[in-house]
Amino acid sequence: VQLVESGGGLVQPGGSLSLSCAASGSIFSVNVMGWYRQAPGKERELVAVITYGGSTNYADSVKGRFIISRDNPKNTVYLQMNRLKPEDAAVYYCRGQVQGSPNSDYDWIWGQGTQVTVSS
């Protein structure tokens, strides 16, 4: 099972960027999916999470600017980032709670990360 992110890049302050993360492999179900980020010299932090049923939770720093959503049949989670600030620049990681078979436990899986740069 792997999570593959896409959509990072360079954007000017005030701009928008959309990230996506698809889970693939031997998957029975994916419960919670989320986005985390890590800036140079800082710890990895939660950005937003979403449950299978669509309940969401956001870091205070991104509330009102970022939107997390998911497509359950595609095992894909998205992050729409609006009004980006220089302090949003980081490597963004996807994380998913994945069940490989009906009788297996859920395992947390990380993606490889995608760079988001916010600069003029």
C-alpha atoms as a PDB file:
ATOM      1  CA  VAL A   1       0.000   0.000   0.000  1.00  0.00           C
ATOM      2  CA  GLN A   2       1.299   3.453  -0.828  1.00  0.00           C
ATOM      3  CA  LEU A   3       0.123   7.035  -0.805  1.00  0.00           C
ATOM      4  CA  VAL A   4       1.216   9.254  -3.667  1.00  0.00           C
ATOM      5  CA  GLU A   5       0.887  13.021  -3.455  1.00  0.00           C
ATOM      6  CA  SER A   6       0.801  15.430  -6.358  1.00  0.00           C
ATOM      7  CA  GLY A   7       0.149  19.090  -6.995  1.00  0.00           C
ATOM      8  CA  GLY A   8       2.898  20.883  -5.113  1.00  0.00           C
ATOM      9  CA  GLY A   9       4.848  23.734  -6.609  1.00  0.00           C
ATOM     10  CA  LEU A  10       5.611  27.428  -6.478  1.00  0.00           C
ATOM     11  CA  VAL A  11       2.866  29.980  -5.907  1.00  0.00           C
ATOM     12  CA  GLN A  12       2.846  33.672  -5.087  1.00  0.00           C
ATOM     13  CA  PRO A  13       1.508  34.934  -1.751  1.00  0.00           C
ATOM     14  CA  GLY A  14      -2.247  35.219  -1.944  1.00  0.00           C
ATOM     15  CA  GLY A  15      -2.438  32.529  -4.574  1.00  0.00           C
ATOM     16  CA  SER A  16      -4.013  29.078  -4.559  1.00  0.00           C
ATOM     17  CA  LEU A  17      -2.750  25.547  -4.967  1.00  0.00           C
ATOM     18  CA  SER A  18      -4.429  22.177  -4.901  1.00  0.00           C
ATOM     19  CA  LEU A  19      -2.881  18.950  -3.626  1.00  0.00           C
ATOM     20  CA  SER A  20      -4.105  15.433  -4.112  1.00  0.00           C
ATOM     21  CA  CYS A  21      -3.119  12.110  -2.583  1.00  0.00           C
ATOM     22  CA  ALA A  22      -4.181   8.718  -3.852  1.00  0.00           C
ATOM     23  CA  ALA A  23      -3.883   5.459  -1.951  1.00  0.00           C
ATOM     24  CA  SER A  24      -3.093   2.405  -4.018  1.00  0.00           C
ATOM     25  CA  GLY A  25      -2.275  -1.246  -3.516  1.00  0.00           C
ATOM     26  CA  SER A  26      -4.097  -3.907  -1.560  1.00  0.00           C
ATOM     27  CA  ILE A  27      -6.745  -1.794   0.142  1.00  0.00           C
ATOM     28  CA  PHE A  28      -9.985  -2.864   1.765  1.00  0.00           C
ATOM     29  CA  SER A  29     -10.846   0.517   3.260  1.00  0.00           C
ATOM     30  CA  VAL A  30      -9.341   3.852   4.198  1.00  0.00           C
ATOM     31  CA  ASN A  31     -10.617   5.502   7.355  1.00  0.00           C
ATOM     32  CA  VAL A  32      -9.080   8.815   8.353  1.00  0.00           C
ATOM     33  CA  MET A  33      -7.017  10.706   5.771  1.00  0.00           C
ATOM     34  CA  GLY A  34      -5.108  13.855   6.399  1.00  0.00           C
ATOM     35  CA  TRP A  35      -2.488  16.371   5.444  1.00  0.00           C
ATOM     36  CA  TYR A  36       0.525  17.343   7.496  1.00  0.00           C
ATOM     37  CA  ARG A  37       3.380  19.707   6.747  1.00  0.00           C
ATOM     38  CA  GLN A  38       6.949  20.231   7.814  1.00  0.00           C
ATOM     39  CA  ALA A  39       8.918  23.410   7.281  1.00  0.00           C
ATOM     40  CA  PRO A  40      12.724  23.504   7.574  1.00  0.00           C
ATOM     41  CA  GLY A  41      13.803  23.396  11.195  1.00  0.00           C
ATOM     42  CA  LYS A  42      10.290  22.745  12.447  1.00  0.00           C
ATOM     43  CA  GLU A  43       8.363  19.685  13.546  1.00  0.00           C
ATOM     44  CA  ARG A  44       5.782  18.062  11.336  1.00  0.00           C
ATOM     45  CA  GLU A  45       2.351  19.473  12.113  1.00  0.00           C
ATOM     46  CA  LEU A  46      -1.238  18.616  11.348  1.00  0.00           C
ATOM     47  CA  VAL A  47      -2.888  20.718   8.650  1.00  0.00           C
ATOM     48  CA  ALA A  48      -6.251  19.021   8.199  1.00  0.00           C
ATOM     49  CA  VAL A  49      -7.903  15.630   8.557  1.00  0.00           C
ATOM     50  CA  ILE A  50     -11.101  14.100   7.237  1.00  0.00           C
ATOM     51  CA  THR A  51     -12.922  10.942   8.239  1.00  0.00           C
ATOM     52  CA  TYR A  52     -14.541   8.463   5.871  1.00  0.00           C
ATOM     53  CA  GLY A  53     -17.878  10.090   6.675  1.00  0.00           C
ATOM     54  CA  GLY A  54     -16.602  13.553   5.834  1.00  0.00           C
ATOM     55  CA  SER A  55     -16.012  15.091   9.254  1.00  0.00           C
ATOM     56  CA  THR A  56     -13.123  17.520   9.130  1.00  0.00           C
ATOM     57  CA  ASN A  57     -10.681  19.181  11.484  1.00  0.00           C
ATOM     58  CA  TYR A  58      -8.238  21.970  10.662  1.00  0.00           C
ATOM     59  CA  ALA A  59      -5.246  23.606  12.240  1.00  0.00           C
ATOM     60  CA  ASP A  60      -6.135  27.099  13.437  1.00  0.00           C
ATOM     61  CA  SER A  61      -3.532  28.564  11.114  1.00  0.00           C
ATOM     62  CA  VAL A  62      -5.352  27.336   7.993  1.00  0.00           C
ATOM     63  CA  LYS A  63      -9.009  27.576   8.996  1.00  0.00           C
ATOM     64  CA  GLY A  64     -10.992  29.558   6.482  1.00  0.00           C
ATOM     65  CA  ARG A  65      -8.249  29.277   3.846  1.00  0.00           C
ATOM     66  CA  PHE A  66      -7.757  25.528   3.260  1.00  0.00           C
ATOM     67  CA  ILE A  67     -10.372  22.952   2.388  1.00  0.00           C
ATOM     68  CA  ILE A  68      -9.888  19.199   2.745  1.00  0.00           C
ATOM     69  CA  SER A  69     -12.098  16.784   0.838  1.00  0.00           C
ATOM     70  CA  ARG A  70     -12.010  13.179  -0.303  1.00  0.00           C
ATOM     71  CA  ASP A  71     -13.320  10.802  -2.918  1.00  0.00           C
ATOM     72  CA  ASN A  72     -13.939   7.516  -1.129  1.00  0.00           C
ATOM     73  CA  PRO A  73     -14.333   5.251  -4.185  1.00  0.00           C
ATOM     74  CA  LYS A  74     -10.972   6.567  -5.443  1.00  0.00           C
ATOM     75  CA  ASN A  75      -9.286   6.439  -2.010  1.00  0.00           C
ATOM     76  CA  THR A  76      -8.120   9.962  -2.686  1.00  0.00           C
ATOM     77  CA  VAL A  77      -7.866  13.016  -0.463  1.00  0.00           C
ATOM     78  CA  TYR A  78      -7.517  16.591  -1.651  1.00  0.00           C
ATOM     79  CA  LEU A  79      -6.335  19.836  -0.110  1.00  0.00           C
ATOM     80  CA  GLN A  80      -7.404  23.108  -1.666  1.00  0.00           C
ATOM     81  CA  MET A  81      -5.153  25.861  -0.357  1.00  0.00           C
ATOM     82  CA  ASN A  82      -6.285  29.460  -0.824  1.00  0.00           C
ATOM     83  CA  ARG A  83      -4.827  32.830   0.193  1.00  0.00           C
ATOM     84  CA  LEU A  84      -1.455  31.209   0.684  1.00  0.00           C
ATOM     85  CA  LYS A  85       1.089  32.895   2.920  1.00  0.00           C
ATOM     86  CA  PRO A  86       4.881  32.552   2.988  1.00  0.00           C
ATOM     87  CA  GLU A  87       4.538  30.706   6.296  1.00  0.00           C
ATOM     88  CA  ASP A  88       2.527  27.988   4.530  1.00  0.00           C
ATOM     89  CA  ALA A  89       5.648  26.936   2.644  1.00  0.00           C
ATOM     90  CA  ALA A  90       6.649  23.417   3.635  1.00  0.00           C
ATOM     91  CA  VAL A  91       6.769  19.835   2.503  1.00  0.00           C
ATOM     92  CA  TYR A  92       3.201  18.574   2.641  1.00  0.00           C
ATOM     93  CA  TYR A  93       2.630  14.950   3.554  1.00  0.00           C
ATOM     94  CA  CYS A  94      -0.456  12.847   3.126  1.00  0.00           C
ATOM     95  CA  ARG A  95      -1.345  10.279   5.771  1.00  0.00           C
ATOM     96  CA  GLY A  96      -3.976   7.599   5.639  1.00  0.00           C
ATOM     97  CA  GLN A  97      -5.407   5.001   8.006  1.00  0.00           C
ATOM     98  CA  VAL A  98      -5.541   1.981   5.737  1.00  0.00           C
ATOM     99  CA  GLN A  99      -7.039  -1.474   6.179  1.00  0.00           C
ATOM    100  CA  GLY A 100      -5.603  -4.028   3.795  1.00  0.00           C
ATOM    101  CA  SER A 101      -8.212  -6.756   4.294  1.00  0.00           C
ATOM    102  CA  PRO A 102     -11.478  -7.167   6.222  1.00  0.00           C
ATOM    103  CA  ASN A 103      -9.787  -8.897   9.153  1.00  0.00           C
ATOM    104  CA  SER A 104      -6.662  -6.787   9.354  1.00  0.00           C
ATOM    105  CA  ASP A 105      -5.909  -3.846  11.587  1.00  0.00           C
ATOM    106  CA  TYR A 106      -5.744  -0.312  10.300  1.00  0.00           C
ATOM    107  CA  ASP A 107      -2.214   0.918   9.655  1.00  0.00           C
ATOM    108  CA  TRP A 108      -1.113   4.514   9.294  1.00  0.00           C
ATOM    109  CA  ILE A 109       0.682   5.105   6.014  1.00  0.00           C
ATOM    110  CA  TRP A 110       2.632   8.222   5.000  1.00  0.00           C
ATOM    111  CA  GLY A 111       3.123   9.587   1.527  1.00  0.00           C
ATOM    112  CA  GLN A 112       6.504  10.727   0.300  1.00  0.00           C
ATOM    113  CA  GLY A 113       5.686  14.435   0.507  1.00  0.00           C
ATOM    114  CA  THR A 114       5.337  17.259  -1.973  1.00  0.00           C
ATOM    115  CA  GLN A 115       7.004  20.661  -1.764  1.00  0.00           C
ATOM    116  CA  VAL A 116       4.913  23.818  -1.548  1.00  0.00           C
ATOM    117  CA  THR A 117       6.795  27.086  -1.965  1.00  0.00           C
ATOM    118  CA  VAL A 118       5.103  30.433  -1.398  1.00  0.00           C
ATOM    119  CA  SER A 119       7.211  33.272  -2.675  1.00  0.00           C
ATOM    120  CA  SER A 120       7.048  36.306  -4.898  1.00  0.00           C
END
